[in-house]
PDB file of all heavy atoms in Angstrom:
ATOM      1  N   GLU A   1      20.399   6.487 -25.565  1.00  0.00           N
ATOM      2  CA  GLU A   1      20.746   7.759 -26.196  1.00  0.00           C
ATOM      3  C   GLU A   1      21.391   7.504 -27.551  1.00  0.00           C
ATOM      4  O   GLU A   1      21.923   6.429 -27.810  1.00  0.00           O
ATOM      5  CB  GLU A   1      21.651   8.618 -25.321  1.00  0.00           C
ATOM      6  CG  GLU A   1      22.980   8.003 -24.973  1.00  0.00           C
ATOM      7  CD  GLU A   1      23.802   8.860 -24.026  1.00  0.00           C
ATOM      8  OE1 GLU A   1      23.318   9.894 -23.550  1.00  0.00           O
ATOM      9  OE2 GLU A   1      24.936   8.479 -23.778  1.00  0.00           O
ATOM     10  N   CYS A   2      21.320   8.526 -28.395  1.00  0.00           N
ATOM     11  CA  CYS A   2      21.885   8.432 -29.734  1.00  0.00           C
ATOM     12  C   CYS A   2      22.398   9.814 -30.122  1.00  0.00           C
ATOM     13  O   CYS A   2      21.733  10.823 -29.878  1.00  0.00           O
ATOM     14  CB  CYS A   2      20.803   7.967 -30.709  1.00  0.00           C
ATOM     15  SG  CYS A   2      21.362   7.811 -32.404  1.00  0.00           S
ATOM     16  N   GLU A   3      23.575   9.828 -30.715  1.00  0.00           N
ATOM     17  CA  GLU A   3      24.179  11.084 -31.158  1.00  0.00           C
ATOM     18  C   GLU A   3      24.657  10.924 -32.591  1.00  0.00           C
ATOM     19  O   GLU A   3      25.306   9.933 -32.932  1.00  0.00           O
ATOM     20  CB  GLU A   3      25.365  11.416 -30.248  1.00  0.00           C
ATOM     21  CG  GLU A   3      26.048  12.702 -30.555  1.00  0.00           C
ATOM     22  CD  GLU A   3      27.226  12.950 -29.610  1.00  0.00           C
ATOM     23  OE1 GLU A   3      27.054  12.812 -28.387  1.00  0.00           O
ATOM     24  OE2 GLU A   3      28.307  13.262 -30.117  1.00  0.00           O
ATOM     25  N   VAL A   4      24.304  11.892 -33.434  1.00  0.00           N
ATOM     26  CA  VAL A   4      24.713  11.882 -34.838  1.00  0.00           C
ATOM     27  C   VAL A   4      25.295  13.249 -35.156  1.00  0.00           C
ATOM     28  O   VAL A   4      24.670  14.270 -34.895  1.00  0.00           O
ATOM     29  CB  VAL A   4      23.513  11.602 -35.776  1.00  0.00           C
ATOM     30  CG1 VAL A   4      23.944  11.688 -37.230  1.00  0.00           C
ATOM     31  CG2 VAL A   4      22.885  10.254 -35.472  1.00  0.00           C
ATOM     32  N   THR A   5      26.501  13.250 -35.724  1.00  0.00           N
ATOM     33  CA  THR A   5      27.136  14.508 -36.113  1.00  0.00           C
ATOM     34  C   THR A   5      27.241  14.563 -37.628  1.00  0.00           C
ATOM     35  O   THR A   5      27.884  13.717 -38.246  1.00  0.00           O
ATOM     36  CB  THR A   5      28.528  14.653 -35.463  1.00  0.00           C
ATOM     37  OG1 THR A   5      28.385  14.564 -34.050  1.00  0.00           O
ATOM     38  CG2 THR A   5      29.163  15.983 -35.832  1.00  0.00           C
ATOM     39  N   THR A   6      26.569  15.557 -38.191  1.00  0.00           N
ATOM     40  CA  THR A   6      26.691  15.874 -39.610  1.00  0.00           C
ATOM     41  C   THR A   6      27.183  17.319 -39.653  1.00  0.00           C
ATOM     42  O   THR A   6      28.287  17.583 -39.172  1.00  0.00           O
ATOM     43  CB  THR A   6      25.347  15.677 -40.354  1.00  0.00           C
ATOM     44  OG1 THR A   6      24.336  16.475 -39.739  1.00  0.00           O
ATOM     45  CG2 THR A   6      24.928  14.215 -40.355  1.00  0.00           C
ATOM     46  N   PHE A   7      26.382  18.270 -40.130  1.00  0.00           N
ATOM     47  CA  PHE A   7      26.791  19.677 -40.100  1.00  0.00           C
ATOM     48  C   PHE A   7      26.616  20.275 -38.703  1.00  0.00           C
ATOM     49  O   PHE A   7      27.196  21.300 -38.388  1.00  0.00           O
ATOM     50  CB  PHE A   7      26.041  20.495 -41.159  1.00  0.00           C
ATOM     51  CG  PHE A   7      24.566  20.644 -40.892  1.00  0.00           C
ATOM     52  CD1 PHE A   7      24.073  21.805 -40.314  1.00  0.00           C
ATOM     53  CD2 PHE A   7      23.682  19.628 -41.223  1.00  0.00           C
ATOM     54  CE1 PHE A   7      22.719  21.944 -40.075  1.00  0.00           C
ATOM     55  CE2 PHE A   7      22.328  19.762 -40.986  1.00  0.00           C
ATOM     56  CZ  PHE A   7      21.840  20.921 -40.407  1.00  0.00           C
ATOM     57  N   VAL A   8      25.802  19.635 -37.863  1.00  0.00           N
ATOM     58  CA  VAL A   8      25.664  19.923 -36.438  1.00  0.00           C
ATOM     59  C   VAL A   8      25.514  18.580 -35.735  1.00  0.00           C
ATOM     60  O   VAL A   8      25.372  17.543 -36.381  1.00  0.00           O
ATOM     61  CB  VAL A   8      24.436  20.833 -36.106  1.00  0.00           C
ATOM     62  CG1 VAL A   8      24.583  22.203 -36.736  1.00  0.00           C
ATOM     63  CG2 VAL A   8      23.143  20.186 -36.514  1.00  0.00           C
ATOM     64  N   THR A   9      25.510  18.590 -34.430  1.00  0.00           N
ATOM     65  CA  THR A   9      25.317  17.355 -33.677  1.00  0.00           C
ATOM     66  C   THR A   9      23.863  17.257 -33.233  1.00  0.00           C
ATOM     67  O   THR A   9      23.317  18.191 -32.640  1.00  0.00           O
ATOM     68  CB  THR A   9      26.244  17.308 -32.444  1.00  0.00           C
ATOM     69  OG1 THR A   9      27.593  17.340 -32.901  1.00  0.00           O
ATOM     70  CG2 THR A   9      26.021  16.049 -31.635  1.00  0.00           C
ATOM     71  N   PHE A  10      23.256  16.129 -33.571  1.00  0.00           N
ATOM     72  CA  PHE A  10      21.889  15.831 -33.170  1.00  0.00           C
ATOM     73  C   PHE A  10      21.948  14.834 -32.028  1.00  0.00           C
ATOM     74  O   PHE A  10      22.721  13.877 -32.080  1.00  0.00           O
ATOM     75  CB  PHE A  10      21.099  15.221 -34.330  1.00  0.00           C
ATOM     76  CG  PHE A  10      20.962  16.133 -35.511  1.00  0.00           C
ATOM     77  CD1 PHE A  10      21.891  16.084 -36.549  1.00  0.00           C
ATOM     78  CD2 PHE A  10      19.919  17.042 -35.593  1.00  0.00           C
ATOM     79  CE1 PHE A  10      21.770  16.915 -37.648  1.00  0.00           C
ATOM     80  CE2 PHE A  10      19.791  17.886 -36.686  1.00  0.00           C
ATOM     81  CZ  PHE A  10      20.716  17.827 -37.722  1.00  0.00           C
ATOM     82  N   TYR A  11      21.134  15.051 -31.016  1.00  0.00           N
ATOM     83  CA  TYR A  11      21.115  14.173 -29.855  1.00  0.00           C
ATOM     84  C   TYR A  11      19.691  13.722 -29.603  1.00  0.00           C
ATOM     85  O   TYR A  11      18.759  14.523 -29.653  1.00  0.00           O
ATOM     86  CB  TYR A  11      21.644  14.897 -28.613  1.00  0.00           C
ATOM     87  CG  TYR A  11      21.516  14.075 -27.356  1.00  0.00           C
ATOM     88  CD1 TYR A  11      22.451  13.097 -27.053  1.00  0.00           C
ATOM     89  CD2 TYR A  11      20.441  14.247 -26.497  1.00  0.00           C
ATOM     90  CE1 TYR A  11      22.331  12.323 -25.910  1.00  0.00           C
ATOM     91  CE2 TYR A  11      20.307  13.473 -25.350  1.00  0.00           C
ATOM     92  CZ  TYR A  11      21.257  12.511 -25.068  1.00  0.00           C
ATOM     93  OH  TYR A  11      21.115  11.733 -23.955  1.00  0.00           O
ATOM     94  N   ALA A  12      19.514  12.439 -29.352  1.00  0.00           N
ATOM     95  CA  ALA A  12      18.209  11.891 -28.992  1.00  0.00           C
ATOM     96  C   ALA A  12      18.349  11.140 -27.683  1.00  0.00           C
ATOM     97  O   ALA A  12      19.099  10.172 -27.594  1.00  0.00           O
ATOM     98  CB  ALA A  12      17.698  10.955 -30.085  1.00  0.00           C
ATOM     99  N   GLY A  13      17.667  11.618 -26.660  1.00  0.00           N
ATOM    100  CA  GLY A  13      17.566  10.874 -25.406  1.00  0.00           C
ATOM    101  C   GLY A  13      16.490   9.819 -25.582  1.00  0.00           C
ATOM    102  O   GLY A  13      15.489  10.052 -26.268  1.00  0.00           O
ATOM    103  N   GLY A  14      16.655   8.681 -24.988  1.00  0.00           N
ATOM    104  CA  GLY A  14      15.751   7.569 -25.236  1.00  0.00           C
ATOM    105  C   GLY A  14      14.475   7.533 -24.425  1.00  0.00           C
ATOM    106  O   GLY A  14      13.602   6.711 -24.681  1.00  0.00           O
ATOM    107  N   LYS A  15      14.323   8.410 -23.444  1.00  0.00           N
ATOM    108  CA  LYS A  15      13.141   8.378 -22.593  1.00  0.00           C
ATOM    109  C   LYS A  15      11.909   8.826 -23.367  1.00  0.00           C
ATOM    110  O   LYS A  15      11.883   9.897 -23.953  1.00  0.00           O
ATOM    111  CB  LYS A  15      13.329   9.281 -21.376  1.00  0.00           C
ATOM    112  CG  LYS A  15      12.156   9.245 -20.421  1.00  0.00           C
ATOM    113  CD  LYS A  15      12.420  10.138 -19.218  1.00  0.00           C
ATOM    114  CE  LYS A  15      11.276  10.063 -18.240  1.00  0.00           C
ATOM    115  NZ  LYS A  15      10.220  11.004 -18.520  1.00  0.00           N
ATOM    116  N   LEU A  16      10.890   7.965 -23.378  1.00  0.00           N
ATOM    117  CA  LEU A  16       9.627   8.304 -24.032  1.00  0.00           C
ATOM    118  C   LEU A  16       8.857   9.319 -23.196  1.00  0.00           C
ATOM    119  O   LEU A  16       8.913   9.295 -21.965  1.00  0.00           O
ATOM    120  CB  LEU A  16       8.769   7.048 -24.207  1.00  0.00           C
ATOM    121  CG  LEU A  16       9.211   6.093 -25.306  1.00  0.00           C
ATOM    122  CD1 LEU A  16       8.473   4.772 -25.192  1.00  0.00           C
ATOM    123  CD2 LEU A  16       8.983   6.695 -26.671  1.00  0.00           C
ATOM    124  N   HIS A  17       8.124  10.183 -23.861  1.00  0.00           N
ATOM    125  CA  HIS A  17       7.280  11.177 -23.198  1.00  0.00           C
ATOM    126  C   HIS A  17       5.826  10.847 -23.523  1.00  0.00           C
ATOM    127  O   HIS A  17       5.300  11.272 -24.556  1.00  0.00           O
ATOM    128  CB  HIS A  17       7.646  12.588 -23.668  1.00  0.00           C
ATOM    129  CG  HIS A  17       9.038  12.967 -23.293  1.00  0.00           C
ATOM    130  ND1 HIS A  17       9.382  13.372 -22.027  1.00  0.00           N
ATOM    131  CD2 HIS A  17      10.183  12.958 -24.022  1.00  0.00           C
ATOM    132  CE1 HIS A  17      10.678  13.621 -21.996  1.00  0.00           C
ATOM    133  NE2 HIS A  17      11.191  13.365 -23.190  1.00  0.00           N
ATOM    134  N   PRO A  18       5.150  10.096 -22.656  1.00  0.00           N
ATOM    135  CA  PRO A  18       3.798   9.615 -22.961  1.00  0.00           C
ATOM    136  C   PRO A  18       2.778  10.726 -23.177  1.00  0.00           C
ATOM    137  O   PRO A  18       1.800  10.537 -23.903  1.00  0.00           O
ATOM    138  CB  PRO A  18       3.431   8.764 -21.749  1.00  0.00           C
ATOM    139  CG  PRO A  18       4.426   9.051 -20.708  1.00  0.00           C
ATOM    140  CD  PRO A  18       5.636   9.645 -21.366  1.00  0.00           C
ATOM    141  N   GLU A  19       2.988  11.896 -22.610  1.00  0.00           N
ATOM    142  CA  GLU A  19       2.033  12.999 -22.784  1.00  0.00           C
ATOM    143  C   GLU A  19       1.968  13.483 -24.232  1.00  0.00           C
ATOM    144  O   GLU A  19       0.995  14.112 -24.638  1.00  0.00           O
ATOM    145  CB  GLU A  19       2.363  14.166 -21.838  1.00  0.00           C
ATOM    146  CG  GLU A  19       3.668  14.870 -22.122  1.00  0.00           C
ATOM    147  CD  GLU A  19       4.927  14.210 -21.544  1.00  0.00           C
ATOM    148  OE1 GLU A  19       4.824  13.147 -20.893  1.00  0.00           O
ATOM    149  OE2 GLU A  19       6.017  14.761 -21.761  1.00  0.00           O
ATOM    150  N   TRP A  20       2.971  13.175 -25.026  1.00  0.00           N
ATOM    151  CA  TRP A  20       2.999  13.588 -26.425  1.00  0.00           C
ATOM    152  C   TRP A  20       2.030  12.760 -27.277  1.00  0.00           C
ATOM    153  O   TRP A  20       1.497  13.231 -28.261  1.00  0.00           O
ATOM    154  CB  TRP A  20       4.420  13.467 -26.973  1.00  0.00           C
ATOM    155  CG  TRP A  20       4.563  13.994 -28.362  1.00  0.00           C
ATOM    156  CD1 TRP A  20       4.757  15.293 -28.739  1.00  0.00           C
ATOM    157  CD2 TRP A  20       4.505  13.237 -29.577  1.00  0.00           C
ATOM    158  NE1 TRP A  20       4.827  15.385 -30.108  1.00  0.00           N
ATOM    159  CE2 TRP A  20       4.682  14.128 -30.648  1.00  0.00           C
ATOM    160  CE3 TRP A  20       4.326  11.892 -29.865  1.00  0.00           C
ATOM    161  CZ2 TRP A  20       4.688  13.729 -31.968  1.00  0.00           C
ATOM    162  CZ3 TRP A  20       4.327  11.486 -31.189  1.00  0.00           C
ATOM    163  CH2 TRP A  20       4.509  12.406 -32.222  1.00  0.00           C
ATOM    164  N   PHE A  21       1.806  11.512 -26.871  1.00  0.00           N
ATOM    165  CA  PHE A  21       0.978  10.600 -27.645  1.00  0.00           C
ATOM    166  C   PHE A  21      -0.507  10.873 -27.411  1.00  0.00           C
ATOM    167  O   PHE A  21      -0.912  11.346 -26.348  1.00  0.00           O
ATOM    168  CB  PHE A  21       1.304   9.143 -27.268  1.00  0.00           C
ATOM    169  CG  PHE A  21       2.708   8.747 -27.644  1.00  0.00           C
ATOM    170  CD1 PHE A  21       3.752   8.896 -26.742  1.00  0.00           C
ATOM    171  CD2 PHE A  21       2.982   8.233 -28.895  1.00  0.00           C
ATOM    172  CE1 PHE A  21       5.044   8.533 -27.090  1.00  0.00           C
ATOM    173  CE2 PHE A  21       4.266   7.869 -29.253  1.00  0.00           C
ATOM    174  CZ  PHE A  21       5.306   8.023 -28.347  1.00  0.00           C
ATOM    175  N   ASP A  22      -1.323  10.553 -28.415  1.00  0.00           N
ATOM    176  CA  ASP A  22      -2.773  10.661 -28.284  1.00  0.00           C
ATOM    177  C   ASP A  22      -3.288   9.583 -27.333  1.00  0.00           C
ATOM    178  O   ASP A  22      -2.681   8.518 -27.197  1.00  0.00           O
ATOM    179  CB  ASP A  22      -3.453  10.487 -29.654  1.00  0.00           C
ATOM    180  CG  ASP A  22      -3.115  11.616 -30.615  1.00  0.00           C
ATOM    181  OD1 ASP A  22      -2.878  12.748 -30.140  1.00  0.00           O
ATOM    182  OD2 ASP A  22      -3.080  11.358 -31.836  1.00  0.00           O
ATOM    183  N   THR A  23      -4.419   9.836 -26.712  1.00  0.00           N
ATOM    184  CA  THR A  23      -5.032   8.861 -25.820  1.00  0.00           C
ATOM    185  C   THR A  23      -5.280   7.565 -26.585  1.00  0.00           C
ATOM    186  O   THR A  23      -5.814   7.573 -27.685  1.00  0.00           O
ATOM    187  CB  THR A  23      -6.374   9.393 -25.266  1.00  0.00           C
ATOM    188  OG1 THR A  23      -6.116  10.638 -24.623  1.00  0.00           O
ATOM    189  CG2 THR A  23      -6.997   8.422 -24.287  1.00  0.00           C
ATOM    190  N   GLY A  24      -4.856   6.463 -26.001  1.00  0.00           N
ATOM    191  CA  GLY A  24      -5.036   5.159 -26.623  1.00  0.00           C
ATOM    192  C   GLY A  24      -3.957   4.774 -27.613  1.00  0.00           C
ATOM    193  O   GLY A  24      -3.890   3.634 -28.051  1.00  0.00           O
ATOM    194  N   GLU A  25      -3.092   5.717 -27.969  1.00  0.00           N
ATOM    195  CA  GLU A  25      -2.015   5.421 -28.908  1.00  0.00           C
ATOM    196  C   GLU A  25      -0.913   4.655 -28.182  1.00  0.00           C
ATOM    197  O   GLU A  25      -0.518   5.010 -27.078  1.00  0.00           O
ATOM    198  CB  GLU A  25      -1.451   6.730 -29.474  1.00  0.00           C
ATOM    199  CG  GLU A  25      -0.453   6.539 -30.584  1.00  0.00           C
ATOM    200  CD  GLU A  25       0.024   7.866 -31.173  1.00  0.00           C
ATOM    201  OE1 GLU A  25      -0.370   8.944 -30.686  1.00  0.00           O
ATOM    202  OE2 GLU A  25       0.806   7.810 -32.119  1.00  0.00           O
ATOM    203  N   SER A  26      -0.428   3.598 -28.798  1.00  0.00           N
ATOM    204  CA  SER A  26       0.606   2.776 -28.179  1.00  0.00           C
ATOM    205  C   SER A  26       1.955   3.464 -28.296  1.00  0.00           C
ATOM    206  O   SER A  26       2.344   3.924 -29.358  1.00  0.00           O
ATOM    207  CB  SER A  26       0.672   1.416 -28.874  1.00  0.00           C
ATOM    208  OG  SER A  26       1.737   0.667 -28.362  1.00  0.00           O
TER     209      SER A  26
END
């Protein structure tokens, strides 16, 4: 996970979502 606070707080969870990627894309 990653959290960055500037004018708001941004959060990134580290789990990849394979359905987002195109077929065959690494």
